[in-house]
Protein backbone atom coordinates (compact mmCIF):
# COMPACT_ATOMS: atom_id res chain seq x y z
CA MET A 1 113.58 4.26 80.49
CA ALA A 2 114.30 2.97 77.01
CA LYS A 3 111.99 3.97 74.21
CA GLU A 4 109.65 1.13 73.27
CA VAL A 5 109.52 -0.05 69.69
CA ARG A 6 106.69 -2.10 68.24
CA LYS A 7 107.62 -4.88 65.81
CA THR A 8 105.44 -7.25 63.82
CA TYR A 9 106.66 -10.66 62.75
CA ARG A 10 105.29 -13.47 60.65
CA MET A 11 105.41 -17.11 61.75
CA THR A 12 103.73 -20.35 60.86
CA GLU A 13 100.71 -21.58 62.74
CA VAL A 14 102.84 -24.30 64.32
CA GLN A 15 105.39 -21.74 65.50
CA ALA A 16 102.63 -19.50 66.88
CA LYS A 17 101.13 -22.40 68.85
CA LEU A 18 104.57 -23.36 70.15
CA LEU A 19 105.25 -19.77 71.24
CA ALA A 20 101.90 -19.57 73.02
CA LYS A 21 102.47 -22.90 74.78
CA GLN A 22 106.01 -22.07 75.91
CA ALA A 23 105.03 -18.60 77.09
CA GLU A 24 102.13 -20.05 79.08
CA GLU A 25 104.39 -22.73 80.64
CA ALA A 26 106.83 -19.97 81.65
CA GLY A 27 103.98 -17.92 83.12
CA MET A 28 104.63 -15.01 80.75
CA SER A 29 102.86 -13.21 77.98
CA GLU A 30 104.16 -13.96 74.50
CA ALA A 31 105.86 -10.55 74.33
CA GLU A 32 107.52 -11.07 77.74
CA TYR A 33 108.63 -14.54 76.68
CA ILE A 34 110.19 -13.26 73.42
CA ARG A 35 112.06 -10.55 75.37
CA PHE A 36 113.24 -13.22 77.83
CA LEU A 37 114.52 -15.40 74.97
CA ILE A 38 116.45 -12.50 73.49
CA SER A 39 118.17 -11.54 76.75
CA GLN A 40 118.63 -14.96 78.32
CA LYS A 41 121.82 -16.69 79.32
CA PRO A 42 122.13 -20.47 79.71
CA MET A 43 122.14 -20.21 83.51
CA ASP A 44 118.72 -18.47 83.35
CA TYR A 45 117.19 -21.92 82.98
CA PRO A 46 116.54 -23.81 86.23
CA GLU A 47 117.06 -27.09 84.34
CA ILE A 48 120.54 -26.04 83.27
CA ARG A 49 121.44 -24.83 86.77
CA GLU A 50 120.35 -28.24 88.11
CA GLU A 51 122.35 -30.09 85.44
CA VAL A 52 125.46 -28.04 86.26
CA HIS A 53 124.95 -28.64 90.00
CA THR A 54 124.60 -32.40 89.39
CA LEU A 55 127.72 -32.41 87.25
CA ILE A 56 129.72 -30.55 89.91
CA ASN A 57 128.63 -33.06 92.57
CA GLU A 58 129.58 -36.00 90.37
CA VAL A 59 132.97 -34.46 89.56
CA ASN A 60 133.56 -34.00 93.29
CA ARG A 61 132.71 -37.66 93.98
CA VAL A 62 135.06 -38.82 91.24
CA GLY A 63 137.74 -36.50 92.62
CA VAL A 64 137.44 -38.13 96.06
CA ASN A 65 137.86 -41.56 94.47
CA ILE A 66 140.88 -40.39 92.48
CA ASN A 67 142.42 -38.98 95.66
CA GLU A 68 142.02 -42.38 97.32
CA VAL A 69 143.82 -44.08 94.45
CA VAL A 70 146.64 -41.50 94.56
CA HIS A 71 146.91 -41.91 98.34
CA ASN A 72 147.23 -45.66 97.92
CA ASN A 73 149.90 -45.12 95.26
CA ASN A 74 151.86 -42.81 97.57
CA SER A 75 151.59 -45.39 100.37
CA GLN A 76 153.01 -48.10 98.11
CA LEU A 77 149.59 -49.75 98.15
CA TYR A 78 148.80 -49.03 94.51
CA SER A 79 147.56 -52.12 92.72
CA GLU A 80 146.43 -52.98 89.23
CA GLU A 81 142.87 -52.93 90.57
CA ASP A 82 143.39 -49.31 91.67
CA LYS A 83 144.61 -48.43 88.19
CA GLU A 84 141.52 -50.04 86.67
CA ARG A 85 139.29 -48.14 89.13
CA LEU A 86 140.97 -44.89 88.20
CA ILE A 87 140.42 -45.54 84.49
CA ALA A 88 136.79 -46.47 85.19
CA TYR A 89 136.24 -43.26 87.17
CA MET A 90 137.73 -41.18 84.40
CA ARG A 91 135.55 -42.90 81.80
CA LYS A 92 132.49 -42.31 83.99
CA LEU A 93 133.41 -38.67 84.37
CA ASN A 94 133.93 -38.22 80.62
CA ALA A 95 130.64 -39.96 79.82
CA LEU A 96 128.73 -37.86 82.33
CA LEU A 97 130.31 -34.67 81.09
CA ASN A 98 129.46 -35.51 77.47
CA LYS A 99 125.86 -36.33 78.43
CA LYS A 100 125.44 -33.06 80.35
CA VAL A 101 126.91 -31.03 77.49
CA LYS A 102 124.44 -32.69 75.09
CA ASP A 103 121.55 -32.16 77.53
CA ILE A 104 122.41 -28.49 78.00
CA GLY A 105 122.73 -28.08 74.24
CA ASN A 106 119.16 -29.34 73.83
CA HIS A 107 117.66 -26.68 76.13
């Protein structure tokens, strides 16, 4: 077992209240919560795992739609409307990806 070291830190009253609130919401003591924050990885957060799962599902849906457009193109059924759909799907995918990246960055 690793040797324990005691450390004392200063923080503002606002920071102390925020720490207490976040630790309580996580169901941890303040010390446990600080240790968690130090060792965490982005996927430790359930919210981030859910965001990534949602993004993967959306990418899969867009991929199915793109495959349909490509199939139509290969069958000589490709139309201007298909091209517009493909562009719309790609824009939707890019917008969703950008939103998820911003959301994850705010966690």
